[in-house]
Amino acid sequence: MSKYAQKGLVDVLRLYGRKSNIRITNIMPGPVLTPMWGEIDADTQEKMMRPEDIATLIVESYSLPHRASVEEIVIRPVTGDL
């Protein structure tokens, strides 16, 4: 339910931001290998994305011309969610 609420909030913010040419992107990553996960086995780590995978998409979407807006980024590991 919290992800649905986040999406709704971002959609509303985007509508208000359009009036001032503010671009807002909802970023929805799957499992990313960060310290938040704590201790996990090597096989699971191998399946997870890295922070730089997500950062690359954010930088690329920000670098688009101002006439374009990336509204959502959904990125998942090739092997699927854990």
Foldseek 3Di string as FASTA:
>chain_A
DVVVVVLVVQVVVCVVCVVVLDATAAEAEAAEDDCVVPDDDPVVNVQHHYPVVSVVVVVVQVPDPSVDHHHYHYYYGPVGHD
